[in-house]
Amino acid sequence: ASLLELLDTRSTKDLAYSAQYYIGRAIGRVTAYSARGRRVGRLVPAGGGAAVNDIVVRGVVDELSSEGLELVLPREVPPNDGGIALGQVYWVALREELGALR
């Protein structure tokens, strides 16, 4: 079915949900593909704007779990830009402490 046909036969709510869910599945698939052949554990940390969208997150979780991976979301800091900024500050502080920036 074409997109125009779907617009006539499905509710806007269903189409919006499906679009967000499959964006999450795509993010999960790219992440799982990137992890293959690398020495990574089964836990996949996430943050940013998509991490606050429950529908996108559900798609990511479903895709990663099919590959034996588990999504880990922040609990004590915001998952959006505030959390990313905190992570950037932490990374710079850690590198400075270890002398990597000198």
N, C-alpha and C. Protein backbone atom coordinates (compact mmCIF):
# COMPACT_ATOMS: atom_id res chain seq x y z
N ALA A 1 0.84 -1.19 0.00
CA ALA A 1 0.00 0.00 0.00
C ALA A 1 0.88 1.25 0.00
N SER A 2 0.45 2.22 -0.74
CA SER A 2 1.20 3.47 -0.78
C SER A 2 0.89 4.28 0.48
N LEU A 3 1.72 5.25 0.74
CA LEU A 3 1.50 6.12 1.89
C LEU A 3 0.16 6.83 1.79
N LEU A 4 -0.20 7.26 0.60
CA LEU A 4 -1.49 7.94 0.42
C LEU A 4 -2.66 7.01 0.73
N GLU A 5 -2.54 5.74 0.34
CA GLU A 5 -3.59 4.77 0.66
C GLU A 5 -3.67 4.54 2.17
N LEU A 6 -2.52 4.47 2.82
CA LEU A 6 -2.51 4.29 4.27
C LEU A 6 -3.17 5.47 4.97
N LEU A 7 -2.93 6.67 4.46
CA LEU A 7 -3.55 7.85 5.07
C LEU A 7 -5.06 7.77 5.01
N ASP A 8 -5.59 7.11 4.00
CA ASP A 8 -7.04 6.97 3.85
C ASP A 8 -7.61 5.83 4.69
N THR A 9 -6.78 4.84 5.04
CA THR A 9 -7.30 3.65 5.71
C THR A 9 -6.88 3.50 7.16
N ARG A 10 -5.92 4.27 7.61
CA ARG A 10 -5.42 4.17 8.99
C ARG A 10 -5.58 5.50 9.69
N SER A 11 -5.69 5.42 11.00
CA SER A 11 -5.80 6.66 11.77
C SER A 11 -4.45 7.35 11.83
N THR A 12 -4.48 8.64 11.99
CA THR A 12 -3.24 9.42 12.13
C THR A 12 -2.46 8.93 13.34
N LYS A 13 -3.16 8.60 14.41
CA LYS A 13 -2.51 8.10 15.62
C LYS A 13 -1.74 6.81 15.34
N ASP A 14 -2.35 5.87 14.62
CA ASP A 14 -1.67 4.61 14.29
C ASP A 14 -0.46 4.84 13.39
N LEU A 15 -0.61 5.73 12.42
CA LEU A 15 0.52 6.02 11.53
C LEU A 15 1.66 6.68 12.28
N ALA A 16 1.34 7.61 13.18
CA ALA A 16 2.37 8.29 13.97
C ALA A 16 3.09 7.30 14.88
N TYR A 17 2.32 6.43 15.52
CA TYR A 17 2.92 5.41 16.39
C TYR A 17 3.86 4.52 15.58
N SER A 18 3.37 4.03 14.45
CA SER A 18 4.19 3.13 13.62
C SER A 18 5.47 3.81 13.14
N ALA A 19 5.36 5.06 12.72
CA ALA A 19 6.56 5.78 12.25
C ALA A 19 7.59 5.88 13.36
N GLN A 20 7.17 6.26 14.55
CA GLN A 20 8.10 6.39 15.67
C GLN A 20 8.69 5.04 16.08
N TYR A 21 7.83 4.03 16.13
CA TYR A 21 8.29 2.69 16.52
C TYR A 21 9.34 2.17 15.54
N TYR A 22 9.09 2.33 14.25
CA TYR A 22 10.04 1.81 13.27
C TYR A 22 11.30 2.67 13.15
N ILE A 23 11.23 3.91 13.53
CA ILE A 23 12.46 4.71 13.67
C ILE A 23 13.30 4.09 14.79
N GLY A 24 12.66 3.73 15.89
CA GLY A 24 13.37 3.06 16.99
C GLY A 24 13.97 1.74 16.55
N ARG A 25 13.20 0.95 15.79
CA ARG A 25 13.73 -0.33 15.29
C ARG A 25 14.96 -0.09 14.42
N ALA A 26 14.91 0.95 13.59
CA ALA A 26 16.05 1.26 12.73
C ALA A 26 17.27 1.66 13.56
N ILE A 27 17.05 2.48 14.57
CA ILE A 27 18.16 2.87 15.46
C ILE A 27 18.74 1.62 16.13
N GLY A 28 17.88 0.74 16.61
CA GLY A 28 18.33 -0.49 17.24
C GLY A 28 19.10 -1.38 16.28
N ARG A 29 18.62 -1.47 15.05
CA ARG A 29 19.28 -2.33 14.06
C ARG A 29 20.67 -1.80 13.73
N VAL A 30 20.79 -0.49 13.53
CA VAL A 30 22.10 0.11 13.24
C VAL A 30 23.04 -0.09 14.43
N THR A 31 22.51 0.08 15.63
CA THR A 31 23.33 -0.11 16.84
C THR A 31 23.81 -1.56 16.95
N ALA A 32 22.90 -2.51 16.76
CA ALA A 32 23.27 -3.92 16.83
C ALA A 32 24.29 -4.27 15.76
N TYR A 33 24.09 -3.76 14.56
CA TYR A 33 25.03 -4.01 13.47
C TYR A 33 26.42 -3.45 13.82
N SER A 34 26.43 -2.26 14.41
CA SER A 34 27.70 -1.63 14.78
C SER A 34 28.42 -2.41 15.88
N ALA A 35 27.67 -3.10 16.72
CA ALA A 35 28.26 -3.85 17.83
C ALA A 35 28.85 -5.19 17.39
N ARG A 36 28.37 -5.72 16.29
CA ARG A 36 28.85 -7.02 15.82
C ARG A 36 30.34 -6.99 15.53
N GLY A 37 31.01 -8.02 16.00
CA GLY A 37 32.43 -8.14 15.73
C GLY A 37 33.31 -7.24 16.58
N ARG A 38 32.71 -6.49 17.48
CA ARG A 38 33.48 -5.62 18.37
C ARG A 38 33.41 -6.18 19.78
N ARG A 39 34.38 -5.85 20.57
CA ARG A 39 34.39 -6.33 21.95
C ARG A 39 33.54 -5.40 22.81
N VAL A 40 32.25 -5.58 22.74
CA VAL A 40 31.33 -4.80 23.55
C VAL A 40 30.50 -5.77 24.37
N GLY A 41 30.06 -5.30 25.52
CA GLY A 41 29.18 -6.12 26.34
C GLY A 41 27.78 -6.13 25.76
N ARG A 42 26.86 -6.69 26.49
CA ARG A 42 25.49 -6.76 25.99
C ARG A 42 24.67 -5.54 26.35
N LEU A 43 25.20 -4.66 27.23
CA LEU A 43 24.49 -3.46 27.64
C LEU A 43 24.81 -2.30 26.69
N VAL A 44 23.76 -1.62 26.24
CA VAL A 44 23.90 -0.50 25.31
C VAL A 44 23.35 0.75 25.98
N PRO A 45 24.22 1.67 26.40
CA PRO A 45 23.72 2.91 27.02
C PRO A 45 23.15 3.85 25.96
N ALA A 46 22.14 4.63 26.36
CA ALA A 46 21.53 5.56 25.41
C ALA A 46 21.16 6.85 26.11
N GLY A 47 21.10 7.91 25.34
CA GLY A 47 20.67 9.21 25.85
C GLY A 47 20.28 10.07 24.66
N GLY A 48 19.95 11.30 24.92
CA GLY A 48 19.55 12.19 23.84
C GLY A 48 18.05 12.25 23.69
N GLY A 49 17.61 13.01 22.72
CA GLY A 49 16.19 13.26 22.53
C GLY A 49 15.36 12.01 22.30
N ALA A 50 15.88 11.04 21.55
CA ALA A 50 15.11 9.83 21.29
C ALA A 50 14.89 9.02 22.56
N ALA A 51 15.75 9.18 23.55
CA ALA A 51 15.63 8.41 24.78
C ALA A 51 14.47 8.87 25.65
N VAL A 52 13.85 9.98 25.32
CA VAL A 52 12.68 10.43 26.08
C VAL A 52 11.38 10.09 25.36
N ASN A 53 11.48 9.49 24.20
CA ASN A 53 10.30 9.10 23.43
C ASN A 53 10.04 7.61 23.68
N ASP A 54 9.01 7.32 24.47
CA ASP A 54 8.73 5.93 24.86
C ASP A 54 8.49 5.01 23.66
N ILE A 55 7.90 5.53 22.60
CA ILE A 55 7.61 4.69 21.44
C ILE A 55 8.90 4.35 20.70
N VAL A 56 9.77 5.33 20.51
CA VAL A 56 11.07 5.09 19.87
C VAL A 56 11.87 4.11 20.72
N VAL A 57 11.89 4.34 22.04
CA VAL A 57 12.63 3.46 22.94
C VAL A 57 12.12 2.03 22.83
N ARG A 58 10.80 1.84 22.76
CA ARG A 58 10.24 0.48 22.63
C ARG A 58 10.77 -0.19 21.37
N GLY A 59 10.85 0.53 20.27
CA GLY A 59 11.39 -0.04 19.03
C GLY A 59 12.86 -0.42 19.17
N VAL A 60 13.64 0.45 19.82
CA VAL A 60 15.06 0.15 20.05
C VAL A 60 15.19 -1.09 20.92
N VAL A 61 14.44 -1.14 22.02
CA VAL A 61 14.50 -2.29 22.93
C VAL A 61 14.14 -3.58 22.20
N ASP A 62 13.07 -3.55 21.42
CA ASP A 62 12.66 -4.76 20.70
C ASP A 62 13.74 -5.24 19.73
N GLU A 63 14.35 -4.32 19.02
CA GLU A 63 15.38 -4.69 18.05
C GLU A 63 16.64 -5.20 18.76
N LEU A 64 17.09 -4.48 19.79
CA LEU A 64 18.30 -4.89 20.49
C LEU A 64 18.11 -6.24 21.19
N SER A 65 16.94 -6.44 21.79
CA SER A 65 16.72 -7.71 22.50
C SER A 65 16.73 -8.89 21.53
N SER A 66 16.31 -8.67 20.30
CA SER A 66 16.35 -9.76 19.32
C SER A 66 17.79 -10.12 18.95
N GLU A 67 18.73 -9.23 19.28
CA GLU A 67 20.16 -9.46 19.02
C GLU A 67 20.93 -9.79 20.31
N GLY A 68 20.20 -9.99 21.41
CA GLY A 68 20.85 -10.33 22.68
C GLY A 68 21.45 -9.14 23.40
N LEU A 69 21.03 -7.93 23.02
CA LEU A 69 21.55 -6.71 23.65
C LEU A 69 20.45 -6.08 24.50
N GLU A 70 20.86 -5.29 25.48
CA GLU A 70 19.91 -4.63 26.38
C GLU A 70 20.16 -3.13 26.43
N LEU A 71 19.12 -2.36 26.23
CA LEU A 71 19.22 -0.90 26.28
C LEU A 71 19.23 -0.45 27.74
N VAL A 72 20.13 0.47 28.06
CA VAL A 72 20.22 1.05 29.40
C VAL A 72 19.99 2.55 29.28
N LEU A 73 18.99 3.04 29.99
CA LEU A 73 18.66 4.46 29.98
C LEU A 73 19.08 5.11 31.28
N PRO A 74 19.38 6.41 31.24
CA PRO A 74 19.77 7.11 32.47
C PRO A 74 18.62 7.15 33.47
N ARG A 75 18.97 7.08 34.74
CA ARG A 75 17.96 7.14 35.80
C ARG A 75 18.11 8.37 36.69
N GLU A 76 19.34 8.83 36.85
CA GLU A 76 19.57 9.92 37.81
C GLU A 76 19.90 11.24 37.15
N VAL A 77 20.06 11.24 35.85
CA VAL A 77 20.28 12.49 35.10
C VAL A 77 19.29 12.49 33.94
N PRO A 78 18.98 13.65 33.41
CA PRO A 78 18.04 13.68 32.29
C PRO A 78 18.60 12.94 31.07
N PRO A 79 17.75 12.22 30.34
CA PRO A 79 18.23 11.51 29.17
C PRO A 79 18.43 12.42 27.96
N ASN A 80 17.98 13.66 28.05
CA ASN A 80 18.04 14.55 26.90
C ASN A 80 19.33 15.38 26.94
N ASP A 81 19.30 16.57 26.40
CA ASP A 81 20.50 17.39 26.25
C ASP A 81 21.20 17.68 27.58
N GLY A 82 20.44 17.83 28.66
CA GLY A 82 21.05 18.08 29.97
C GLY A 82 21.95 16.94 30.40
N GLY A 83 21.52 15.72 30.14
CA GLY A 83 22.34 14.56 30.47
C GLY A 83 23.55 14.44 29.58
N ILE A 84 23.38 14.77 28.31
CA ILE A 84 24.51 14.72 27.39
C ILE A 84 25.56 15.76 27.81
N ALA A 85 25.12 16.95 28.17
CA ALA A 85 26.05 17.99 28.62
C ALA A 85 26.80 17.53 29.87
N LEU A 86 26.09 16.90 30.80
CA LEU A 86 26.74 16.39 32.01
C LEU A 86 27.78 15.35 31.65
N GLY A 87 27.46 14.48 30.71
CA GLY A 87 28.42 13.47 30.26
C GLY A 87 29.64 14.09 29.62
N GLN A 88 29.45 15.16 28.85
CA GLN A 88 30.58 15.84 28.23
C GLN A 88 31.49 16.47 29.27
N VAL A 89 30.89 17.08 30.28
CA VAL A 89 31.67 17.68 31.37
C VAL A 89 32.45 16.58 32.10
N TYR A 90 31.80 15.48 32.38
CA TYR A 90 32.46 14.36 33.06
C TYR A 90 33.64 13.85 32.24
N TRP A 91 33.44 13.67 30.94
CA TRP A 91 34.49 13.15 30.08
C TRP A 91 35.71 14.07 30.06
N VAL A 92 35.49 15.37 29.95
CA VAL A 92 36.60 16.33 29.95
C VAL A 92 37.32 16.30 31.29
N ALA A 93 36.54 16.26 32.39
CA ALA A 93 37.15 16.22 33.73
C ALA A 93 37.99 14.95 33.89
N LEU A 94 37.48 13.83 33.43
CA LEU A 94 38.21 12.57 33.53
C LEU A 94 39.49 12.62 32.70
N ARG A 95 39.40 13.11 31.49
CA ARG A 95 40.59 13.19 30.64
C ARG A 95 41.62 14.14 31.24
N GLU A 96 41.15 15.24 31.82
CA GLU A 96 42.07 16.20 32.44
C GLU A 96 42.75 15.55 33.64
N GLU A 97 41.97 14.82 34.44
CA GLU A 97 42.53 14.16 35.61
C GLU A 97 43.58 13.13 35.22
N LEU A 98 43.36 12.47 34.11
CA LEU A 98 44.32 11.45 33.65
C LEU A 98 45.46 12.05 32.84
N GLY A 99 45.41 13.37 32.63
CA GLY A 99 46.48 14.05 31.92
C GLY A 99 46.40 13.95 30.42
N ALA A 100 45.28 13.51 29.90
CA ALA A 100 45.14 13.30 28.46
C ALA A 100 45.03 14.60 27.67
N LEU A 101 44.67 15.70 28.33
CA LEU A 101 44.50 16.96 27.61
C LEU A 101 45.74 17.84 27.65
N ARG A 102 46.76 17.39 28.28
CA ARG A 102 47.97 18.21 28.39
C ARG A 102 48.93 17.96 27.26
